[in-house]
Protein backbone atom coordinates (compact mmCIF):
# COMPACT_ATOMS: atom_id res chain seq x y z
CA UNK A 1 -29.29 -46.80 -27.29
CA UNK A 2 -27.34 -49.91 -28.73
CA UNK A 3 -27.60 -48.08 -32.08
CA UNK A 4 -25.37 -45.22 -30.66
CA UNK A 5 -23.19 -48.02 -29.27
CA UNK A 6 -23.14 -49.58 -32.53
CA UNK A 7 -21.80 -46.34 -34.03
CA UNK A 8 -19.97 -45.15 -31.62
CA UNK A 9 -17.73 -48.90 -31.96
CA UNK A 10 -17.46 -48.92 -34.90
CA UNK A 11 -16.26 -45.19 -35.15
CA UNK A 12 -13.82 -46.51 -33.01
CA UNK A 13 -12.93 -49.55 -34.63
CA UNK A 14 -12.58 -47.64 -37.91
CA UNK A 15 -9.69 -45.05 -36.29
CA UNK A 16 -8.07 -47.34 -34.21
CA UNK A 17 -5.90 -49.31 -36.54
CA UNK A 18 -5.89 -46.40 -39.07
CA UNK A 19 -2.20 -45.70 -38.22
CA UNK A 20 -1.14 -49.03 -38.22
CA UNK A 21 -2.41 -49.92 -41.65
CA UNK A 22 -0.64 -46.66 -43.03
CA UNK A 23 2.63 -47.22 -42.08
CA UNK A 24 2.60 -50.79 -43.33
CA UNK A 25 1.03 -50.10 -46.87
CA UNK A 26 3.76 -48.06 -48.91
CA UNK A 27 4.66 -48.03 -52.54
CA UNK A 28 7.13 -51.03 -53.14
CA UNK A 29 7.98 -51.89 -49.68
CA UNK A 30 4.21 -53.96 -48.29
CA UNK A 31 5.12 -56.94 -46.53
CA UNK A 32 3.49 -60.32 -48.20
CA UNK A 33 4.89 -62.34 -45.17
CA UNK A 34 5.08 -62.68 -41.45
CA UNK A 35 3.94 -60.64 -38.83
CA UNK A 36 3.57 -57.28 -40.72
CA UNK A 37 1.31 -58.88 -43.37
CA UNK A 38 -0.97 -60.71 -40.27
CA UNK A 39 -0.90 -56.79 -38.94
CA UNK A 40 -2.05 -55.33 -42.21
CA UNK A 41 -4.48 -58.35 -42.68
CA UNK A 42 -6.13 -57.96 -38.93
CA UNK A 43 -6.09 -53.68 -39.59
CA UNK A 44 -7.88 -53.95 -42.61
CA UNK A 45 -10.29 -56.48 -41.20
CA UNK A 46 -10.69 -54.23 -37.66
CA UNK A 47 -11.48 -51.37 -40.31
CA UNK A 48 -13.70 -53.05 -42.75
CA UNK A 49 -15.64 -54.34 -39.49
CA UNK A 50 -16.02 -50.73 -38.34
CA UNK A 51 -17.73 -49.71 -41.81
CA UNK A 52 -20.17 -51.87 -41.52
CA UNK A 53 -21.06 -51.31 -37.76
CA UNK A 54 -20.62 -47.65 -38.88
CA UNK A 55 -23.54 -48.66 -41.22
CA UNK A 56 -25.52 -50.57 -38.75
CA UNK A 57 -25.49 -47.89 -36.00
CA UNK A 58 -26.11 -45.10 -38.42
CA UNK A 59 -28.92 -46.62 -40.24
CA UNK A 60 -30.66 -47.98 -36.77
CA UNK A 61 -30.18 -44.89 -35.04
CA UNK A 62 -30.87 -42.28 -37.60
CA UNK A 63 -32.95 -43.78 -40.10
CA UNK A 64 -35.10 -46.09 -37.38
CA UNK A 65 -34.13 -49.04 -39.78
CA UNK A 66 -32.67 -52.35 -38.64
CA UNK A 67 -33.27 -55.73 -36.78
CA UNK A 68 -31.83 -56.19 -33.38
CA UNK A 69 -29.63 -59.67 -33.60
CA UNK A 70 -27.94 -58.11 -36.70
CA UNK A 71 -27.07 -54.94 -34.65
CA UNK A 72 -26.35 -57.05 -31.65
CA UNK A 73 -24.19 -59.66 -33.64
CA UNK A 74 -22.39 -56.64 -35.41
CA UNK A 75 -21.58 -55.42 -31.87
CA UNK A 76 -20.26 -58.40 -30.20
CA UNK A 77 -17.92 -58.63 -34.02
CA UNK A 78 -16.70 -55.43 -33.38
CA UNK A 79 -15.64 -55.95 -29.83
CA UNK A 80 -13.80 -58.59 -30.57
CA UNK A 81 -11.50 -56.64 -32.80
CA UNK A 82 -9.91 -55.15 -30.20
CA UNK A 83 -9.17 -58.09 -27.95
CA UNK A 84 -5.37 -57.73 -29.08
CA UNK A 85 -5.35 -54.35 -28.07
CA UNK A 86 -6.44 -55.10 -25.14
CA UNK A 87 -4.04 -57.96 -24.64
CA UNK A 88 -1.38 -55.62 -25.23
CA UNK A 89 -2.36 -53.06 -22.97
CA UNK A 90 -2.54 -55.69 -19.91
CA UNK A 91 0.98 -56.80 -21.39
CA UNK A 92 2.51 -53.48 -20.64
CA UNK A 93 1.08 -53.52 -17.40
CA UNK A 94 1.81 -57.23 -16.00
CA UNK A 95 5.81 -56.27 -17.64
CA UNK A 96 5.99 -52.49 -15.75
CA UNK A 97 5.08 -54.36 -12.16
CA UNK A 98 7.57 -57.38 -13.12
CA UNK A 99 10.37 -54.44 -13.59
CA UNK A 100 11.41 -55.74 -16.90
CA UNK A 101 9.52 -53.31 -18.74
CA UNK A 102 11.24 -50.18 -21.14
CA UNK A 103 10.19 -47.46 -18.52
CA UNK A 104 13.36 -46.28 -17.05
CA UNK A 105 14.52 -46.84 -13.22
CA UNK A 106 14.14 -42.67 -12.70
CA UNK A 107 10.80 -42.88 -12.65
């Protein structure tokens, strides 16, 4: 069960930031400073954590090879990659309740 969780978490960690990473990398227009660069580095590190988690989960689930401690550490590491995403979601919810959000008054 832990290996299945690791495999699914790894898949989510790979695909969640791909759109952002693809939009930040372009020929001659890739930023090397500021917030866009840090978003690019954060996205690439989340993708790399996802690839590692996918590999560990696959080996544990399909081939029954692995280490319980390594798998749990990789699960925790991959889960921390989603903290910025969750804080953005809660920030949108707080802004919506405060009335200062981007939601039109008609709704």
